[in-house]
Protein backbone atom coordinates (compact mmCIF):
# COMPACT_ATOMS: atom_id res chain seq x y z
CA MET A 1 -64.56 268.43 -93.31
CA SER A 2 -67.60 269.49 -91.36
CA PRO A 3 -67.09 271.38 -88.11
CA TYR A 4 -69.56 269.00 -86.52
CA ILE A 5 -66.89 266.29 -86.27
CA PHE A 6 -65.41 268.35 -83.44
CA VAL A 7 -68.83 268.63 -81.81
CA LEU A 8 -69.30 264.87 -82.09
CA ALA A 9 -65.89 264.29 -80.50
CA ALA A 10 -66.78 266.61 -77.62
CA VAL A 11 -70.15 264.94 -77.01
CA LEU A 12 -68.68 261.43 -77.19
CA ALA A 13 -66.03 262.44 -74.65
CA VAL A 14 -68.08 264.43 -72.13
CA ILE A 15 -71.12 262.19 -71.63
CA PRO A 16 -69.22 258.98 -70.71
CA ILE A 17 -66.75 260.90 -68.54
CA LEU A 18 -69.63 262.46 -66.58
CA ILE A 19 -71.17 259.02 -66.06
CA ILE A 20 -67.84 257.61 -64.89
CA PHE A 21 -67.36 260.64 -62.63
CA LYS A 22 -70.78 260.17 -61.02
CA ILE A 23 -70.17 256.48 -60.31
CA ASN A 24 -66.75 257.11 -58.80
CA PHE A 25 -67.80 260.23 -56.89
CA GLU A 26 -70.45 258.21 -55.06
CA LYS A 27 -67.68 255.88 -53.89
CA VAL A 28 -65.67 258.86 -52.60
CA LYS A 29 -68.69 260.12 -50.66
CA GLU A 30 -69.18 256.71 -49.06
CA ASN A 31 -65.54 256.15 -48.12
CA PRO A 32 -63.11 259.11 -48.48
CA GLU A 33 -60.10 256.96 -47.53
CA ILE A 34 -60.13 255.11 -50.87
CA ILE A 35 -59.66 258.27 -52.94
CA GLY A 36 -56.48 256.89 -54.54
CA GLN A 37 -58.17 253.75 -55.82
CA VAL A 38 -61.18 255.73 -57.02
CA GLN A 39 -59.01 258.23 -58.89
CA THR A 40 -57.14 255.38 -60.58
CA LYS A 41 -60.41 253.83 -61.74
CA PHE A 42 -61.67 257.25 -62.88
CA PHE A 43 -58.54 257.97 -64.91
CA THR A 44 -58.66 254.51 -66.48
CA GLY A 45 -62.32 254.91 -67.42
CA ALA A 46 -61.72 258.42 -68.76
CA ALA A 47 -58.79 257.23 -70.89
CA ILE A 48 -60.84 254.41 -72.37
CA SER A 49 -63.83 256.67 -73.07
CA GLU A 50 -61.62 259.26 -74.82
CA ALA A 51 -60.26 256.81 -77.41
CA ILE A 52 -62.94 257.38 -80.06
CA PRO A 53 -63.09 261.18 -79.53
CA LEU A 54 -59.31 261.37 -79.94
CA VAL A 55 -59.54 259.51 -83.25
CA LEU A 56 -62.25 261.94 -84.37
CA ILE A 57 -60.12 264.94 -83.34
CA VAL A 58 -57.11 263.61 -85.25
CA MET A 59 -59.27 262.88 -88.27
CA GLY A 60 -60.80 266.36 -88.09
CA MET A 61 -57.41 268.06 -87.75
CA ALA A 62 -55.93 266.02 -90.60
CA ASN A 63 -58.77 266.96 -92.97
CA ILE A 64 -59.32 270.51 -91.76
CA GLU A 65 -60.60 273.03 -94.29
CA SER A 66 -61.29 276.70 -93.87
CA ALA A 67 -64.99 277.51 -93.49
CA ASN A 68 -66.65 279.66 -96.15
CA SER A 69 -67.92 282.08 -93.53
CA ILE A 70 -67.53 282.41 -89.81
CA SER A 71 -71.28 282.01 -89.35
CA GLU A 72 -70.87 278.31 -90.20
CA LEU A 73 -68.88 277.93 -86.98
CA TYR A 74 -71.29 279.71 -84.61
CA LEU A 75 -73.59 276.78 -83.91
CA PRO A 76 -70.85 274.14 -83.47
CA GLY A 77 -68.93 276.52 -81.21
CA LEU A 78 -72.03 277.28 -79.17
CA ILE A 79 -72.80 273.58 -78.78
CA VAL A 80 -69.28 272.86 -77.53
CA LEU A 81 -69.39 275.82 -75.11
CA LEU A 82 -72.78 274.72 -73.76
CA LEU A 83 -71.43 271.20 -73.35
CA MET A 84 -68.50 272.56 -71.35
CA GLY A 85 -70.85 274.58 -69.17
CA PHE A 86 -73.11 271.58 -68.66
CA SER A 87 -70.21 269.38 -67.61
CA ALA A 88 -68.93 271.93 -65.08
CA PHE A 89 -72.46 272.46 -63.74
CA PHE A 90 -73.06 268.69 -63.45
CA VAL A 91 -69.81 268.10 -61.59
CA MET A 92 -70.40 271.03 -59.22
CA LEU A 93 -73.90 269.77 -58.46
CA GLN A 94 -72.49 266.38 -57.51
CA ARG A 95 -70.12 268.05 -55.08
CA GLY A 96 -72.93 269.98 -53.41
CA VAL A 97 -75.25 267.04 -52.74
CA GLY A 98 -74.78 264.74 -49.76
CA VAL A 99 -71.05 265.10 -49.16
CA PRO A 100 -70.20 264.39 -45.51
CA GLU A 101 -67.99 266.91 -43.72
CA GLU A 102 -65.06 264.50 -43.43
CA ALA A 103 -65.07 263.95 -47.21
CA LYS A 104 -65.21 267.64 -48.26
CA GLN A 105 -61.49 267.95 -49.08
CA GLN A 106 -61.41 264.76 -51.14
CA ALA A 107 -64.66 265.74 -52.85
CA ASN A 108 -63.30 269.18 -53.80
CA THR A 109 -60.11 267.67 -55.20
CA PHE A 110 -61.99 265.03 -57.17
CA THR A 111 -64.42 267.68 -58.45
CA MET A 112 -61.65 269.87 -59.85
CA ILE A 113 -60.01 266.86 -61.49
CA GLY A 114 -63.38 265.86 -62.97
CA ILE A 115 -63.98 269.30 -64.45
CA MET A 116 -60.54 269.37 -66.05
CA ILE A 117 -60.79 265.87 -67.49
CA ALA A 118 -64.35 266.40 -68.77
CA ASN A 119 -63.44 269.66 -70.53
CA ALA A 120 -60.16 268.52 -72.13
CA ILE A 121 -61.62 267.24 -75.42
CA PRO A 122 -64.11 270.14 -75.76
CA ILE A 123 -61.21 272.60 -75.43
CA VAL A 124 -59.33 270.78 -78.20
CA SER A 125 -62.55 270.83 -80.24
CA LEU A 126 -62.75 274.60 -79.82
CA VAL A 127 -59.17 274.89 -81.05
CA GLY A 128 -60.15 272.85 -84.10
CA LEU A 129 -63.08 275.18 -84.73
CA PHE A 130 -60.80 278.23 -84.38
CA LEU A 131 -58.45 276.71 -86.94
CA MET A 132 -61.36 276.46 -89.38
CA MET A 133 -62.00 280.21 -89.28
CA PRO A 134 -61.65 281.97 -92.64
């Protein structure tokens, strides 16, 4: 099985989660008191958007084969690492733009949750790539 199935799973997980994060983070900036409702909607959206990537991860792990050489895994690994960096950078930028002082604590909490949720599937994808090493 190609190592790019793990890359596809990571891309299909991160992009929708970042979109869902942005939509919900704007709601937190407008009204910090509804953080509980916003987090519930964020977790629900993240769970729905991770359904297809989870199927891809399971399929990739079930059909895993050792790579012929480690150089076959460099590019997929680099893509996943760059995707993880992009997601953390995107979430941190959202926190730094237009957050009122009274919403700073809620914004910081939601930011850390967003980074962890957005990077969950890419971390599992990296594990899959490590398992493919010769």
